[in-house]
Amino acid sequence: MRFDGTDDYVATDDLTMAVNAAITLERPLLVKGEPGTGKTELARQVASALGLPMIEWNIKSTTKAQQGLYEYDAVSRLRDSQLGDERVHDVSNYIRKGKLWQAFEAENKVVLLIDEVDKADIEFPNDLLQELDKMEFHVYETGETVKARVRPIVIITSNNEKELPDAFLRRCFFHYIKFPDPDTLRRIVEVHHPGIKQTLLTAALTQFYELREQSGLKKKPSTSEVLDWLKLLLAEDLDAEDLKRDGASALPRLHGALLKNEQDVHLFERLAFMARRQGR
């Protein structure tokens, strides 16, 4: 079982090596990187390439580790007991299986994505240590132990918004997705926009990297944002000449696809104003 990328996803050599190392070691793959660099999509492409089902657990700030295992619906059981429902005598009727339980009980290997783990409380990773390590957990209400029939491929993503505990990191194989270099980004663009004119692509990527490298940016545009920008350029039928900027504006055409806050827009407006003053 080996991942070598797909026709729809450009995976660098070090990324494919990380995925295959995690599969061989049977450890969770922790993938970090800027938002929009394809971390979540990686899990979907691994599942597609290996022909495996995928179970996706999207983490929010309010998510608790217990929800990934199971939840006991005591309120429904109390209501049913008041109504004289026979279901109340079997506590398992009120156990809601979480994403880890679903992955553990699968007959065949699956890909389990735990997406944006750093959104949750700092204790969230620690609360899953034993379950991800031993691939089992205990259900106190029923007294049963749920153990993985087949060890799933676990991919965990993080936007690096907060530090993760050392004990959690020790149990993972780690990979940081670097922002793609121009050649890799060209290959990514060709996958999403096949046949794009090379003159337009060269001009667009030149502006894009200049924008990313501008000091003082609050949020650098990501891979997904440059793909959106190129989609707009193609929809407007613009060419390389249309992307040329004059001294009146330092902002690229359709910059709303790239710059996502007013602070960064004002930064480029100030740069244009300074350039005009120096040109007098």
Protein backbone atom coordinates (compact mmCIF):
# COMPACT_ATOMS: atom_id res chain seq x y z
CA MET A 1 0.00 0.00 0.00
CA ARG A 2 1.86 3.04 -1.32
CA PHE A 3 0.86 6.62 -2.11
CA ASP A 4 2.47 8.25 -5.15
CA GLY A 5 0.17 11.21 -5.64
CA THR A 6 -2.77 11.45 -8.05
CA ASP A 7 -3.61 13.16 -11.32
CA ASP A 8 -5.60 15.74 -9.34
CA TYR A 9 -3.05 16.45 -6.61
CA VAL A 10 0.59 17.44 -7.05
CA ALA A 11 2.49 15.81 -4.20
CA THR A 12 6.17 16.60 -3.76
CA ASP A 13 8.67 13.80 -3.13
CA ASP A 14 9.07 14.67 0.54
CA LEU A 15 5.28 14.68 1.04
CA THR A 16 4.79 11.26 -0.55
CA MET A 17 7.68 9.96 1.53
CA ALA A 18 5.99 11.28 4.70
CA VAL A 19 2.66 9.66 3.83
CA ASN A 20 4.27 6.30 3.10
CA ALA A 21 6.44 6.47 6.22
CA ALA A 22 3.35 7.05 8.39
CA ILE A 23 1.60 4.11 6.71
CA THR A 24 4.60 1.85 7.29
CA LEU A 25 5.02 2.91 10.92
CA GLU A 26 1.25 2.76 11.50
CA ARG A 27 1.39 6.14 13.20
CA PRO A 28 -0.80 9.21 12.64
CA LEU A 29 0.57 11.62 10.06
CA LEU A 30 0.56 15.16 11.45
CA VAL A 31 0.54 17.66 8.59
CA LYS A 32 1.19 21.33 9.26
CA GLY A 33 1.38 24.26 6.90
CA GLU A 34 -0.19 27.56 5.94
CA PRO A 35 -3.97 27.53 5.41
CA GLY A 36 -4.75 26.74 1.79
CA THR A 37 -1.71 24.56 1.05
CA GLY A 38 -3.71 21.38 0.51
CA LYS A 39 -3.52 19.64 3.89
CA THR A 40 -7.15 18.57 4.00
CA GLU A 41 -7.16 17.66 0.32
CA LEU A 42 -4.15 15.42 0.95
CA ALA A 43 -6.25 13.06 3.07
CA ARG A 44 -8.94 12.87 0.38
CA GLN A 45 -6.35 12.15 -2.30
CA VAL A 46 -4.65 9.48 -0.19
CA ALA A 47 -8.02 7.77 0.24
CA SER A 48 -8.73 8.07 -3.49
CA ALA A 49 -5.31 6.81 -4.56
CA LEU A 50 -5.43 3.80 -2.24
CA GLY A 51 -9.08 3.05 -2.95
CA LEU A 52 -10.11 3.46 0.69
CA PRO A 53 -13.19 5.03 2.31
CA MET A 54 -12.58 8.25 4.23
CA ILE A 55 -14.04 9.34 7.54
CA GLU A 56 -13.70 13.07 8.17
CA TRP A 57 -13.77 14.68 11.61
CA ASN A 58 -13.78 18.48 11.35
CA ILE A 59 -12.59 20.04 14.59
CA LYS A 60 -14.07 23.26 15.96
CA SER A 61 -13.21 25.39 18.98
CA THR A 62 -15.99 23.68 20.94
CA THR A 63 -15.10 20.11 19.94
CA LYS A 64 -14.23 17.70 22.75
CA ALA A 65 -12.19 14.54 22.34
CA GLN A 66 -15.01 12.46 23.80
CA GLN A 67 -17.18 13.36 20.80
CA GLY A 68 -14.79 11.48 18.56
CA LEU A 69 -15.32 8.33 20.61
CA TYR A 70 -19.02 8.44 21.50
CA GLU A 71 -21.67 10.51 23.24
CA TYR A 72 -24.21 9.26 25.75
CA ASP A 73 -27.63 10.89 25.26
CA ALA A 74 -28.90 10.89 28.84
CA VAL A 75 -31.61 13.45 28.08
CA SER A 76 -33.28 11.23 25.49
CA ARG A 77 -33.11 8.27 27.82
CA LEU A 78 -34.75 10.24 30.61
CA ARG A 79 -37.53 11.40 28.28
CA ASP A 80 -38.13 7.85 27.05
CA SER A 81 -38.27 6.55 30.61
CA GLN A 82 -40.97 9.11 31.42
CA LEU A 83 -42.92 7.97 28.36
CA GLY A 84 -42.55 4.29 29.24
CA ASP A 85 -40.55 3.47 26.09
CA GLU A 86 -39.09 -0.07 26.13
CA ARG A 87 -35.88 1.19 24.50
CA VAL A 88 -34.86 2.71 27.82
CA HIS A 89 -33.82 -0.70 29.18
CA ASP A 90 -30.93 -0.96 26.69
CA VAL A 91 -28.41 1.81 27.29
CA SER A 92 -26.76 1.13 23.92
CA ASN A 93 -29.79 2.75 22.27
CA TYR A 94 -28.53 6.07 23.60
CA ILE A 95 -24.89 5.76 22.58
CA ARG A 96 -23.98 7.86 19.55
CA LYS A 97 -20.85 6.63 17.81
CA GLY A 98 -18.16 9.17 17.05
CA LYS A 99 -15.78 9.31 14.11
CA LEU A 100 -13.08 7.25 15.82
CA TRP A 101 -15.59 4.54 16.70
CA GLN A 102 -16.75 4.46 13.07
CA ALA A 103 -13.15 4.09 11.90
CA PHE A 104 -12.37 1.40 14.49
CA GLU A 105 -15.40 -0.76 13.64
CA ALA A 106 -14.83 -0.63 9.87
CA GLU A 107 -14.33 -4.08 8.34
CA ASN A 108 -11.51 -2.82 6.10
CA LYS A 109 -8.86 -0.13 6.31
CA VAL A 110 -10.09 3.46 6.09
CA VAL A 111 -8.51 6.91 6.07
CA LEU A 112 -9.44 8.91 9.16
CA LEU A 113 -8.97 12.67 8.81
CA ILE A 114 -8.84 14.75 11.98
CA ASP A 115 -8.95 18.21 10.43
CA GLU A 116 -7.52 21.36 12.07
CA VAL A 117 -6.71 19.82 15.43
CA ASP A 118 -5.25 23.12 16.65
CA LYS A 119 -8.70 24.75 16.67
CA ALA A 120 -9.73 22.79 19.76
CA ASP A 121 -8.81 23.29 23.39
CA ILE A 122 -5.16 22.69 24.28
CA GLU A 123 -6.12 19.50 26.14
CA PHE A 124 -7.83 18.00 23.09
CA PRO A 125 -4.72 16.24 21.69
CA ASN A 126 -3.77 14.88 25.13
CA ASP A 127 -7.25 13.42 25.55
CA LEU A 128 -6.75 11.28 22.44
CA LEU A 129 -3.25 10.00 23.21
CA GLN A 130 -4.13 6.49 24.33
CA GLU A 131 -6.93 6.02 21.80
CA LEU A 132 -4.67 6.89 18.85
CA ASP A 133 -1.75 4.93 20.26
CA LYS A 134 -3.51 1.71 21.26
CA MET A 135 -6.38 2.07 18.80
CA GLU A 136 -8.97 1.21 21.41
CA PHE A 137 -11.17 2.82 24.06
CA HIS A 138 -13.61 1.82 26.79
CA VAL A 139 -17.34 2.60 26.77
CA TYR A 140 -18.20 3.06 30.45
CA GLU A 141 -21.98 3.01 30.00
CA THR A 142 -22.02 -0.44 28.38
CA GLY A 143 -18.76 -1.86 29.74
CA GLU A 144 -17.46 -2.77 26.29
CA THR A 145 -14.06 -2.08 24.80
CA VAL A 146 -13.99 -0.86 21.22
CA LYS A 147 -10.83 -1.92 19.44
CA ALA A 148 -9.87 -1.22 15.84
CA ARG A 149 -10.49 -4.25 13.65
CA VAL A 150 -8.06 -2.85 11.07
CA ARG A 151 -5.73 -0.01 11.99
CA PRO A 152 -6.87 3.08 10.02
CA ILE A 153 -4.57 5.51 8.25
CA VAL A 154 -4.86 8.61 10.44
CA ILE A 155 -4.07 12.02 8.96
CA ILE A 156 -4.17 15.01 11.32
CA THR A 157 -3.94 18.57 10.02
CA SER A 158 -2.91 21.73 11.85
CA ASN A 159 -2.65 25.37 10.76
CA ASN A 160 -0.02 25.89 13.44
CA GLU A 161 -2.25 28.29 15.38
CA LYS A 162 -1.10 26.83 18.69
CA GLU A 163 1.58 24.50 19.96
CA LEU A 164 0.67 20.84 20.30
CA PRO A 165 1.77 18.79 23.35
CA ASP A 166 5.09 16.93 23.13
CA ALA A 167 3.47 13.64 24.14
CA PHE A 168 1.08 13.98 21.20
CA LEU A 169 3.85 14.90 18.77
CA ARG A 170 5.90 11.87 19.86
CA ARG A 171 3.14 9.57 18.65
CA CYS A 172 2.93 11.13 15.18
CA PHE A 173 5.01 11.22 12.03
CA PHE A 174 5.39 14.91 11.25
CA HIS A 175 5.50 16.76 7.94
CA TYR A 176 5.37 20.48 7.20
CA ILE A 177 4.00 21.38 3.77
CA LYS A 178 6.17 24.22 2.55
CA PHE A 179 4.69 26.82 0.30
CA PRO A 180 5.32 25.57 -3.26
CA ASP A 181 8.17 27.01 -5.30
CA PRO A 182 7.30 28.51 -8.71
CA ASP A 183 7.89 25.27 -10.64
CA THR A 184 5.69 23.24 -8.29
CA LEU A 185 3.02 25.94 -8.31
CA ARG A 186 3.03 25.87 -12.12
CA ARG A 187 2.34 22.12 -11.99
CA ILE A 188 -0.49 22.70 -9.51
CA VAL A 189 -2.01 25.38 -11.75
CA GLU A 190 -1.82 23.08 -14.79
CA VAL A 191 -3.85 20.48 -12.88
CA HIS A 192 -6.61 22.97 -12.08
CA HIS A 193 -6.40 25.16 -15.22
CA PRO A 194 -5.06 22.96 -18.02
CA GLY A 195 -3.98 24.79 -21.13
CA ILE A 196 -3.57 28.19 -19.47
CA LYS A 197 -1.47 30.55 -21.59
CA GLN A 198 2.11 30.50 -20.38
CA THR A 199 2.54 34.25 -20.83
CA LEU A 200 -0.46 34.90 -18.56
CA LEU A 201 0.71 32.32 -16.04
CA THR A 202 4.23 33.76 -15.91
CA ALA A 203 2.96 37.32 -15.41
CA ALA A 204 0.41 36.23 -12.81
CA LEU A 205 2.86 34.14 -10.77
CA THR A 206 5.46 36.89 -10.89
CA GLN A 207 2.95 39.33 -9.38
CA PHE A 208 1.75 36.72 -6.94
CA TYR A 209 5.18 35.95 -5.50
CA GLU A 210 6.05 39.67 -5.35
CA LEU A 211 2.87 40.20 -3.36
CA ARG A 212 3.63 37.29 -1.00
CA GLU A 213 7.14 38.58 -0.35
CA GLN A 214 5.98 42.08 0.54
CA SER A 215 7.01 42.79 4.12
CA GLY A 216 4.24 43.80 6.48
CA LEU A 217 1.54 41.55 5.07
CA LYS A 218 -0.86 40.33 7.75
CA LYS A 219 -1.98 37.32 5.71
CA LYS A 220 -0.01 36.02 2.77
CA PRO A 221 -2.17 34.64 -0.04
CA SER A 222 -2.10 30.85 -0.30
CA THR A 223 -2.20 28.24 -3.03
CA SER A 224 -5.99 28.05 -3.01
CA GLU A 225 -6.20 31.84 -3.35
CA VAL A 226 -3.89 32.03 -6.36
CA LEU A 227 -6.00 29.32 -8.01
CA ASP A 228 -9.14 31.39 -7.38
CA TRP A 229 -7.39 34.48 -8.74
CA LEU A 230 -6.33 32.70 -11.92
CA LYS A 231 -9.87 31.39 -12.36
CA LEU A 232 -11.13 34.98 -12.27
CA LEU A 233 -8.44 36.15 -14.71
CA LEU A 234 -9.46 33.42 -17.14
CA ALA A 235 -13.16 34.19 -16.70
CA GLU A 236 -12.48 37.86 -17.51
CA ASP A 237 -10.36 36.77 -20.51
CA LEU A 238 -7.41 38.86 -19.35
CA ASP A 239 -3.91 38.42 -20.71
CA ALA A 240 -0.41 39.27 -19.54
CA GLU A 241 -0.68 42.86 -20.80
CA ASP A 242 -3.81 43.42 -18.71
CA LEU A 243 -1.91 42.55 -15.54
CA LYS A 244 0.63 45.32 -15.94
CA ARG A 245 0.32 47.86 -13.16
CA ASP A 246 0.87 51.59 -13.53
CA GLY A 247 2.14 53.92 -10.86
CA ALA A 248 -1.38 54.76 -9.78
CA SER A 249 -1.92 51.41 -8.09
CA ALA A 250 0.29 48.79 -6.52
CA LEU A 251 -2.66 46.40 -6.28
CA PRO A 252 -3.02 43.56 -8.79
CA ARG A 253 -6.18 43.17 -10.85
CA LEU A 254 -9.03 41.48 -8.96
CA HIS A 255 -6.95 41.67 -5.79
CA GLY A 256 -9.94 40.68 -3.63
CA ALA A 257 -9.14 37.05 -4.41
CA LEU A 258 -5.65 37.44 -2.95
CA LEU A 259 -5.85 40.01 -0.15
CA LYS A 260 -8.37 39.15 2.54
CA ASN A 261 -8.20 42.05 4.99
CA GLU A 262 -8.22 45.82 4.81
CA GLN A 263 -4.83 46.16 6.50
CA ASP A 264 -3.07 44.46 3.58
CA VAL A 265 -5.06 46.45 1.00
CA HIS A 266 -4.11 49.70 2.75
CA LEU A 267 -0.48 48.58 2.76
CA PHE A 268 -0.41 48.41 -1.04
CA GLU A 269 -2.33 51.65 -1.35
CA ARG A 270 0.32 53.37 0.78
CA LEU A 271 3.07 51.83 -1.37
CA ALA A 272 1.41 53.25 -4.49
CA PHE A 273 1.04 56.67 -2.86
CA MET A 274 4.74 56.72 -1.89
CA ALA A 275 5.72 55.64 -5.40
CA ARG A 276 3.71 58.51 -6.91
CA ARG A 277 5.31 61.04 -4.57
CA GLN A 278 8.80 59.84 -5.44
CA GLY A 279 7.96 60.01 -9.14
CA ARG A 280 7.11 63.71 -9.03
